[in-house]
Amino acid sequence: MAKNEQSVDLEHLNRYTGGDYALNEEILCLFATQCREMMERLESLATGEADTKSWRETTHTLKGAARGIGAFALGNAAAEAEKTGSERPAVLPALERLKSTSAAVYLFIEQFLKDGR
């Protein structure tokens, strides 16, 4: 099984959507957009003068959104990043982990949309 196939637990998402493909598609597309926005914000915070509150709020939001759709690895990475605060030595590795796990989620969503019903 490819790494990106495990990045979103569709069974988890299906429990909330009743397995409705169109609803899954809509939720996954919304999540991808939201995730990209949050990742851009985190990158900006990590490379600039990050304030702890903004970093923690953004990682907390990402954690909840990811876990809500079944992207548990990304949710766990966000939970770890949330704990780091905004201290430069800890933020950069946390950001790299978020980038790699979010990339796997984007690949999953892209494949899900390509495969269709």
Protein backbone atom coordinates (compact mmCIF):
# COMPACT_ATOMS: atom_id res chain seq x y z
CA MET A 1 0.00 0.00 0.00
CA ALA A 2 1.42 3.38 -0.99
CA LYS A 3 2.10 5.95 1.71
CA ASN A 4 -0.53 8.40 0.46
CA GLU A 5 -3.20 5.67 0.54
CA GLN A 6 -2.96 5.68 4.34
CA SER A 7 -2.87 9.43 4.78
CA VAL A 8 -6.67 9.73 5.06
CA ASP A 9 -8.86 7.13 6.72
CA LEU A 10 -11.87 7.08 4.42
CA GLU A 11 -13.75 4.75 6.77
CA HIS A 12 -13.54 7.48 9.40
CA LEU A 13 -14.80 10.11 6.97
CA ASN A 14 -17.53 7.78 5.68
CA ARG A 15 -18.92 7.43 9.21
CA TYR A 16 -19.83 11.11 9.00
CA THR A 17 -20.87 11.26 5.36
CA GLY A 18 -22.60 7.92 4.97
CA GLY A 19 -20.11 7.13 2.22
CA ASP A 20 -21.60 9.79 -0.06
CA TYR A 21 -18.92 10.38 -2.70
CA ALA A 22 -20.02 13.93 -3.52
CA LEU A 23 -19.96 14.91 0.15
CA ASN A 24 -16.56 13.28 0.66
CA GLU A 25 -15.29 15.14 -2.40
CA GLU A 26 -16.59 18.46 -1.12
CA ILE A 27 -15.15 17.95 2.37
CA LEU A 28 -11.76 16.83 1.05
CA CYS A 29 -11.55 19.79 -1.35
CA LEU A 30 -12.47 22.22 1.42
CA PHE A 31 -9.90 20.63 3.68
CA ALA A 32 -7.17 20.84 1.02
CA THR A 33 -7.84 24.56 0.57
CA GLN A 34 -7.95 25.19 4.30
CA CYS A 35 -4.82 23.12 4.90
CA ARG A 36 -2.85 24.99 2.24
CA GLU A 37 -3.83 28.31 3.82
CA MET A 38 -2.80 27.12 7.27
CA MET A 39 0.48 25.71 6.00
CA GLU A 40 1.28 29.04 4.33
CA ARG A 41 0.51 30.80 7.61
CA LEU A 42 2.71 28.41 9.57
CA GLU A 43 5.56 28.82 7.11
CA SER A 44 5.27 32.58 7.45
CA LEU A 45 5.24 32.32 11.23
CA ALA A 46 8.20 29.94 11.27
CA THR A 47 10.37 32.09 9.03
CA GLY A 48 9.43 35.43 10.57
CA GLU A 49 8.81 36.73 14.01
CA ALA A 50 6.34 34.09 15.06
CA ASP A 51 4.22 34.72 18.08
CA THR A 52 3.35 31.73 20.22
CA LYS A 53 -0.38 32.43 20.20
CA SER A 54 -0.68 32.52 16.39
CA TRP A 55 1.45 29.39 15.97
CA ARG A 56 -0.55 27.47 18.55
CA GLU A 57 -3.93 28.64 17.23
CA THR A 58 -3.05 27.67 13.67
CA THR A 59 -1.60 24.27 14.59
CA HIS A 60 -4.57 23.61 16.87
CA THR A 61 -7.01 24.40 14.05
CA LEU A 62 -5.05 22.20 11.64
CA LYS A 63 -5.00 19.37 14.19
CA GLY A 64 -8.79 19.40 14.57
CA ALA A 65 -9.52 19.73 10.86
CA ALA A 66 -7.11 16.93 9.94
CA ARG A 67 -8.44 14.54 12.55
CA GLY A 68 -11.98 15.40 11.51
CA ILE A 69 -11.46 14.07 7.99
CA GLY A 70 -9.38 11.10 9.13
CA ALA A 71 -5.91 12.51 8.31
CA PHE A 72 -4.56 11.23 11.60
CA ALA A 73 -0.83 11.42 10.80
CA LEU A 74 -1.25 15.08 9.89
CA GLY A 75 -3.37 15.68 12.99
CA ASN A 76 -0.69 14.09 15.15
CA ALA A 77 2.04 16.17 13.48
CA ALA A 78 -0.03 19.29 14.15
CA ALA A 79 -0.50 18.26 17.78
CA GLU A 80 3.27 17.93 18.19
CA ALA A 81 3.83 21.27 16.44
CA GLU A 82 1.26 22.89 18.72
CA LYS A 83 3.34 21.87 21.74
CA THR A 84 6.49 23.53 20.38
CA GLY A 85 5.12 27.04 20.74
CA SER A 86 6.98 29.25 18.34
CA GLU A 87 10.56 28.67 19.43
CA ARG A 88 12.75 28.68 16.33
CA PRO A 89 14.80 25.53 17.07
CA ALA A 90 11.65 23.44 17.58
CA VAL A 91 9.45 25.09 14.96
CA LEU A 92 11.51 24.27 11.88
CA PRO A 93 11.54 20.46 12.33
CA ALA A 94 7.85 20.58 13.25
CA LEU A 95 7.13 22.57 10.10
CA GLU A 96 9.04 20.05 7.97
CA ARG A 97 7.00 17.18 9.43
CA LEU A 98 3.79 19.13 8.74
CA LYS A 99 4.90 19.73 5.16
CA SER A 100 5.61 16.06 4.50
CA THR A 101 2.42 14.79 6.11
CA SER A 102 0.27 17.43 4.42
CA ALA A 103 1.87 16.56 1.07
CA ALA A 104 0.78 12.95 1.56
CA VAL A 105 -2.77 14.14 2.29
CA TYR A 106 -2.78 16.32 -0.86
CA LEU A 107 -1.66 13.30 -2.90
CA PHE A 108 -4.42 11.18 -1.39
CA ILE A 109 -7.04 13.81 -2.18
CA GLU A 110 -5.74 14.23 -5.71
CA GLN A 111 -5.93 10.47 -6.28
CA PHE A 112 -9.39 10.27 -4.68
CA LEU A 113 -10.67 12.95 -7.06
CA LYS A 114 -8.97 11.36 -10.05
CA ASP A 115 -10.41 7.93 -9.30
CA GLY A 116 -13.92 9.34 -9.07
CA ARG A 117 -16.84 7.27 -8.01
